[in-house]
Amino acid sequence: MCSAQDPAPDAKIIDLLSKKADNGIAHVSLEYFPPRTEQGVKNLHARMERMKTNTTALYTDMTWGAGGSTAELSLDLALHAHRTGHVSNLHLTCTNMEKDGDPVKA
């Protein structure tokens, strides 16, 4: 959820996809997973800026808690994307999940 300090909420991705489909235009999205180190986060921020500048991606997707990262880092990165002009999205992965959905046990 956006706070009062954040820009307006992002458009719904389904609406963006529908608009592209109506025009017969293909789209590109960007997907990142949270890095494991502080330097990796700095590198990712720089990469996200380069990709935003050099592509016409419809949205930017971040894997929630991937690679042993914390959910907090995933959310921070998604908010960074949002605040820097990306249409931001988070998605869950079911890889290495226990049947009860607890990733800690995996």
N, C-alpha and C. Protein backbone atom coordinates (compact mmCIF):
# COMPACT_ATOMS: atom_id res chain seq x y z
N MET A 1 0.84 -1.18 0.00
CA MET A 1 0.00 0.00 0.00
C MET A 1 0.88 1.24 0.00
N CYS A 2 0.45 2.25 -0.65
CA CYS A 2 1.22 3.48 -0.76
C CYS A 2 0.92 4.39 0.43
N SER A 3 1.94 5.09 0.87
CA SER A 3 1.74 6.07 1.93
C SER A 3 1.51 7.44 1.30
N ALA A 4 1.24 8.41 2.13
CA ALA A 4 0.98 9.76 1.64
C ALA A 4 2.20 10.34 0.93
N GLN A 5 3.40 9.81 1.24
CA GLN A 5 4.62 10.33 0.62
C GLN A 5 4.86 9.74 -0.77
N ASP A 6 4.19 8.65 -1.10
CA ASP A 6 4.41 7.97 -2.37
C ASP A 6 3.63 8.63 -3.49
N PRO A 7 4.10 8.43 -4.73
CA PRO A 7 3.32 8.88 -5.88
C PRO A 7 1.98 8.13 -5.92
N ALA A 8 1.14 8.51 -6.83
CA ALA A 8 -0.16 7.85 -6.97
C ALA A 8 0.03 6.35 -7.17
N PRO A 9 -0.95 5.54 -6.77
CA PRO A 9 -0.85 4.09 -6.97
C PRO A 9 -0.63 3.76 -8.45
N ASP A 10 0.08 2.66 -8.67
CA ASP A 10 0.31 2.20 -10.04
C ASP A 10 -0.99 1.73 -10.68
N ALA A 11 -1.01 1.79 -11.99
CA ALA A 11 -2.14 1.23 -12.73
C ALA A 11 -2.18 -0.28 -12.52
N LYS A 12 -3.35 -0.87 -12.66
CA LYS A 12 -3.46 -2.33 -12.57
C LYS A 12 -2.81 -2.93 -13.81
N ILE A 13 -2.01 -3.95 -13.59
CA ILE A 13 -1.29 -4.57 -14.70
C ILE A 13 -2.27 -5.15 -15.72
N ILE A 14 -3.37 -5.72 -15.28
CA ILE A 14 -4.35 -6.28 -16.23
C ILE A 14 -4.87 -5.20 -17.16
N ASP A 15 -5.04 -3.98 -16.64
CA ASP A 15 -5.50 -2.87 -17.49
C ASP A 15 -4.43 -2.49 -18.50
N LEU A 16 -3.17 -2.47 -18.06
CA LEU A 16 -2.08 -2.16 -18.99
C LEU A 16 -1.97 -3.23 -20.08
N LEU A 17 -2.09 -4.49 -19.68
CA LEU A 17 -2.02 -5.59 -20.66
C LEU A 17 -3.18 -5.53 -21.64
N SER A 18 -4.36 -5.25 -21.13
CA SER A 18 -5.54 -5.17 -22.00
C SER A 18 -5.39 -4.06 -23.02
N LYS A 19 -4.88 -2.93 -22.59
CA LYS A 19 -4.68 -1.80 -23.49
C LYS A 19 -3.70 -2.16 -24.60
N LYS A 20 -2.59 -2.84 -24.25
CA LYS A 20 -1.61 -3.27 -25.25
C LYS A 20 -2.24 -4.27 -26.21
N ALA A 21 -3.02 -5.22 -25.67
CA ALA A 21 -3.65 -6.24 -26.50
C ALA A 21 -4.64 -5.61 -27.47
N ASP A 22 -5.39 -4.62 -27.00
CA ASP A 22 -6.35 -3.94 -27.86
C ASP A 22 -5.67 -3.27 -29.05
N ASN A 23 -4.44 -2.81 -28.82
CA ASN A 23 -3.68 -2.14 -29.88
C ASN A 23 -2.84 -3.11 -30.69
N GLY A 24 -2.83 -4.40 -30.30
CA GLY A 24 -2.03 -5.38 -31.00
C GLY A 24 -0.54 -5.20 -30.79
N ILE A 25 -0.16 -4.59 -29.69
CA ILE A 25 1.24 -4.29 -29.40
C ILE A 25 1.77 -5.29 -28.37
N ALA A 26 2.91 -5.89 -28.65
CA ALA A 26 3.55 -6.78 -27.68
C ALA A 26 4.13 -5.95 -26.54
N HIS A 27 4.37 -6.59 -25.43
CA HIS A 27 4.94 -5.85 -24.30
C HIS A 27 6.14 -6.60 -23.72
N VAL A 28 6.91 -5.88 -22.94
CA VAL A 28 8.04 -6.42 -22.21
C VAL A 28 7.85 -6.04 -20.75
N SER A 29 8.16 -6.97 -19.87
CA SER A 29 8.19 -6.65 -18.44
C SER A 29 9.58 -6.99 -17.92
N LEU A 30 9.94 -6.42 -16.80
CA LEU A 30 11.23 -6.68 -16.16
C LEU A 30 10.98 -7.47 -14.90
N GLU A 31 11.80 -8.48 -14.64
CA GLU A 31 11.66 -9.27 -13.42
C GLU A 31 13.00 -9.33 -12.71
N TYR A 32 12.96 -9.06 -11.42
CA TYR A 32 14.16 -9.10 -10.60
C TYR A 32 13.90 -9.94 -9.35
N PHE A 33 14.96 -10.48 -8.80
CA PHE A 33 14.87 -11.12 -7.50
C PHE A 33 15.77 -10.37 -6.54
N PRO A 34 15.43 -10.34 -5.26
CA PRO A 34 16.20 -9.57 -4.30
C PRO A 34 17.62 -10.12 -4.14
N PRO A 35 18.62 -9.26 -4.18
CA PRO A 35 19.99 -9.71 -3.97
C PRO A 35 20.25 -10.04 -2.50
N ARG A 36 21.38 -10.67 -2.25
CA ARG A 36 21.70 -11.12 -0.90
C ARG A 36 22.58 -10.16 -0.12
N THR A 37 23.13 -9.17 -0.79
CA THR A 37 24.07 -8.26 -0.11
C THR A 37 23.66 -6.81 -0.32
N GLU A 38 24.20 -5.93 0.51
CA GLU A 38 23.95 -4.49 0.36
C GLU A 38 24.49 -3.99 -0.97
N GLN A 39 25.67 -4.47 -1.37
CA GLN A 39 26.23 -4.07 -2.66
C GLN A 39 25.32 -4.55 -3.80
N GLY A 40 24.76 -5.73 -3.63
CA GLY A 40 23.83 -6.24 -4.62
C GLY A 40 22.60 -5.36 -4.76
N VAL A 41 22.12 -4.83 -3.64
CA VAL A 41 20.97 -3.91 -3.68
C VAL A 41 21.34 -2.64 -4.44
N LYS A 42 22.53 -2.10 -4.17
CA LYS A 42 22.98 -0.91 -4.88
C LYS A 42 23.10 -1.19 -6.38
N ASN A 43 23.67 -2.34 -6.71
CA ASN A 43 23.79 -2.72 -8.12
C ASN A 43 22.42 -2.86 -8.77
N LEU A 44 21.47 -3.47 -8.04
CA LEU A 44 20.12 -3.64 -8.58
C LEU A 44 19.44 -2.30 -8.81
N HIS A 45 19.58 -1.38 -7.87
CA HIS A 45 19.00 -0.04 -8.06
C HIS A 45 19.53 0.59 -9.35
N ALA A 46 20.84 0.49 -9.55
CA ALA A 46 21.44 1.07 -10.76
C ALA A 46 20.93 0.36 -12.02
N ARG A 47 20.84 -0.97 -11.96
CA ARG A 47 20.33 -1.74 -13.11
C ARG A 47 18.89 -1.37 -13.41
N MET A 48 18.08 -1.24 -12.37
CA MET A 48 16.67 -0.88 -12.57
C MET A 48 16.56 0.47 -13.27
N GLU A 49 17.41 1.41 -12.89
CA GLU A 49 17.40 2.73 -13.53
C GLU A 49 17.81 2.62 -14.99
N ARG A 50 18.87 1.86 -15.26
CA ARG A 50 19.31 1.68 -16.65
C ARG A 50 18.22 1.02 -17.50
N MET A 51 17.58 0.00 -16.96
CA MET A 51 16.55 -0.70 -17.72
C MET A 51 15.33 0.20 -17.95
N LYS A 52 14.99 1.02 -16.96
CA LYS A 52 13.87 1.95 -17.13
C LYS A 52 14.19 2.96 -18.23
N THR A 53 15.43 3.43 -18.26
CA THR A 53 15.85 4.41 -19.25
C THR A 53 15.94 3.82 -20.65
N ASN A 54 16.37 2.56 -20.76
CA ASN A 54 16.69 1.97 -22.05
C ASN A 54 15.66 0.99 -22.60
N THR A 55 14.56 0.79 -21.91
CA THR A 55 13.50 -0.09 -22.41
C THR A 55 12.15 0.61 -22.27
N THR A 56 11.16 0.01 -22.83
CA THR A 56 9.79 0.50 -22.65
C THR A 56 8.97 -0.58 -21.94
N ALA A 57 9.52 -1.07 -20.83
CA ALA A 57 8.86 -2.13 -20.08
C ALA A 57 7.50 -1.65 -19.57
N LEU A 58 6.53 -2.55 -19.64
CA LEU A 58 5.19 -2.24 -19.18
C LEU A 58 5.13 -2.19 -17.65
N TYR A 59 5.85 -3.11 -17.01
CA TYR A 59 5.90 -3.13 -15.54
C TYR A 59 7.16 -3.83 -15.08
N THR A 60 7.46 -3.68 -13.80
CA THR A 60 8.61 -4.30 -13.16
C THR A 60 8.12 -5.21 -12.06
N ASP A 61 8.58 -6.44 -12.09
CA ASP A 61 8.11 -7.48 -11.18
C ASP A 61 9.25 -7.91 -10.26
N MET A 62 8.95 -8.05 -8.96
CA MET A 62 9.94 -8.47 -7.98
C MET A 62 9.45 -9.77 -7.34
N THR A 63 10.33 -10.76 -7.26
CA THR A 63 9.98 -12.02 -6.61
C THR A 63 10.02 -11.83 -5.10
N TRP A 64 8.93 -12.16 -4.44
CA TRP A 64 8.78 -11.97 -3.00
C TRP A 64 9.62 -13.02 -2.26
N GLY A 65 10.62 -12.57 -1.51
CA GLY A 65 11.38 -13.47 -0.66
C GLY A 65 12.24 -14.48 -1.39
N ALA A 66 12.64 -14.20 -2.61
CA ALA A 66 13.41 -15.17 -3.40
C ALA A 66 14.83 -15.33 -2.90
N GLY A 67 15.38 -16.50 -3.11
CA GLY A 67 16.79 -16.75 -2.83
C GLY A 67 17.17 -16.59 -1.37
N GLY A 68 16.22 -16.78 -0.47
CA GLY A 68 16.51 -16.65 0.95
C GLY A 68 16.46 -15.22 1.46
N SER A 69 16.06 -14.28 0.61
CA SER A 69 15.95 -12.90 1.05
C SER A 69 14.73 -12.75 1.94
N THR A 70 14.64 -11.62 2.58
CA THR A 70 13.50 -11.38 3.45
C THR A 70 12.35 -10.77 2.68
N ALA A 71 11.16 -10.98 3.19
CA ALA A 71 9.99 -10.34 2.61
C ALA A 71 10.13 -8.82 2.69
N GLU A 72 10.77 -8.33 3.75
CA GLU A 72 10.95 -6.89 3.91
C GLU A 72 11.80 -6.31 2.78
N LEU A 73 12.87 -7.00 2.41
CA LEU A 73 13.72 -6.53 1.31
C LEU A 73 12.93 -6.53 0.01
N SER A 74 12.14 -7.57 -0.23
CA SER A 74 11.33 -7.62 -1.45
C SER A 74 10.39 -6.42 -1.52
N LEU A 75 9.74 -6.12 -0.41
CA LEU A 75 8.82 -4.99 -0.37
C LEU A 75 9.58 -3.67 -0.56
N ASP A 76 10.73 -3.53 0.10
CA ASP A 76 11.53 -2.31 -0.07
C ASP A 76 11.92 -2.10 -1.53
N LEU A 77 12.31 -3.17 -2.21
CA LEU A 77 12.70 -3.06 -3.62
C LEU A 77 11.51 -2.73 -4.51
N ALA A 78 10.36 -3.32 -4.22
CA ALA A 78 9.16 -3.00 -4.99
C ALA A 78 8.76 -1.54 -4.78
N LEU A 79 8.87 -1.05 -3.56
CA LEU A 79 8.56 0.36 -3.29
C LEU A 79 9.58 1.27 -3.96
N HIS A 80 10.85 0.88 -3.97
CA HIS A 80 11.87 1.66 -4.68
C HIS A 80 11.51 1.75 -6.16
N ALA A 81 11.12 0.63 -6.75
CA ALA A 81 10.72 0.63 -8.16
C ALA A 81 9.56 1.60 -8.37
N HIS A 82 8.56 1.51 -7.51
CA HIS A 82 7.38 2.38 -7.61
C HIS A 82 7.78 3.85 -7.52
N ARG A 83 8.61 4.16 -6.54
CA ARG A 83 9.00 5.55 -6.30
C ARG A 83 9.89 6.12 -7.40
N THR A 84 10.52 5.25 -8.18
CA THR A 84 11.39 5.71 -9.26
C THR A 84 10.74 5.60 -10.63
N GLY A 85 9.41 5.42 -10.64
CA GLY A 85 8.67 5.51 -11.89
C GLY A 85 8.33 4.22 -12.58
N HIS A 86 8.67 3.09 -11.98
CA HIS A 86 8.26 1.80 -12.55
C HIS A 86 6.84 1.49 -12.10
N VAL A 87 6.08 0.80 -12.93
CA VAL A 87 4.84 0.18 -12.46
C VAL A 87 5.31 -1.09 -11.76
N SER A 88 5.10 -1.14 -10.46
CA SER A 88 5.72 -2.16 -9.62
C SER A 88 4.75 -3.29 -9.28
N ASN A 89 5.29 -4.50 -9.24
CA ASN A 89 4.50 -5.69 -8.90
C ASN A 89 5.36 -6.64 -8.09
N LEU A 90 4.75 -7.35 -7.17
CA LEU A 90 5.39 -8.42 -6.43
C LEU A 90 4.70 -9.73 -6.78
N HIS A 91 5.46 -10.81 -6.90
CA HIS A 91 4.83 -12.11 -7.09
C HIS A 91 5.46 -13.12 -6.14
N LEU A 92 4.68 -14.14 -5.80
CA LEU A 92 5.14 -15.21 -4.93
C LEU A 92 5.67 -16.35 -5.78
N THR A 93 6.60 -17.10 -5.22
CA THR A 93 7.06 -18.31 -5.87
C THR A 93 6.72 -19.49 -4.98
N CYS A 94 6.43 -20.60 -5.58
CA CYS A 94 6.10 -21.81 -4.82
C CYS A 94 7.28 -22.77 -4.76
N THR A 95 8.41 -22.37 -5.28
CA THR A 95 9.60 -23.21 -5.26
C THR A 95 10.08 -23.41 -3.84
N ASN A 96 10.42 -24.64 -3.49
CA ASN A 96 10.94 -25.00 -2.16
C ASN A 96 9.98 -24.65 -1.04
N MET A 97 8.70 -24.80 -1.30
CA MET A 97 7.69 -24.54 -0.26
C MET A 97 7.19 -25.88 0.28
N GLU A 98 6.93 -25.93 1.57
CA GLU A 98 6.29 -27.07 2.16
C GLU A 98 4.82 -27.08 1.79
N LYS A 99 4.16 -28.22 1.92
CA LYS A 99 2.75 -28.31 1.55
C LYS A 99 1.88 -27.36 2.34
N ASP A 100 2.29 -27.01 3.56
CA ASP A 100 1.50 -26.08 4.36
C ASP A 100 1.81 -24.62 4.01
N GLY A 101 2.72 -24.40 3.02
CA GLY A 101 3.02 -23.05 2.57
C GLY A 101 4.09 -22.33 3.37
N ASP A 102 4.73 -23.04 4.31
CA ASP A 102 5.74 -22.40 5.16
C ASP A 102 7.11 -22.50 4.50
N PRO A 103 7.65 -21.36 4.00
CA PRO A 103 8.96 -21.41 3.34
C PRO A 103 10.11 -21.63 4.32
N VAL A 104 9.88 -21.38 5.61
CA VAL A 104 10.94 -21.54 6.59
C VAL A 104 11.31 -23.03 6.74
N LYS A 105 10.35 -23.91 6.61
CA LYS A 105 10.59 -25.35 6.76
C LYS A 105 11.30 -25.93 5.54
N ALA A 106 11.21 -25.26 4.42
CA ALA A 106 11.75 -25.84 3.17
C ALA A 106 13.26 -25.90 3.17
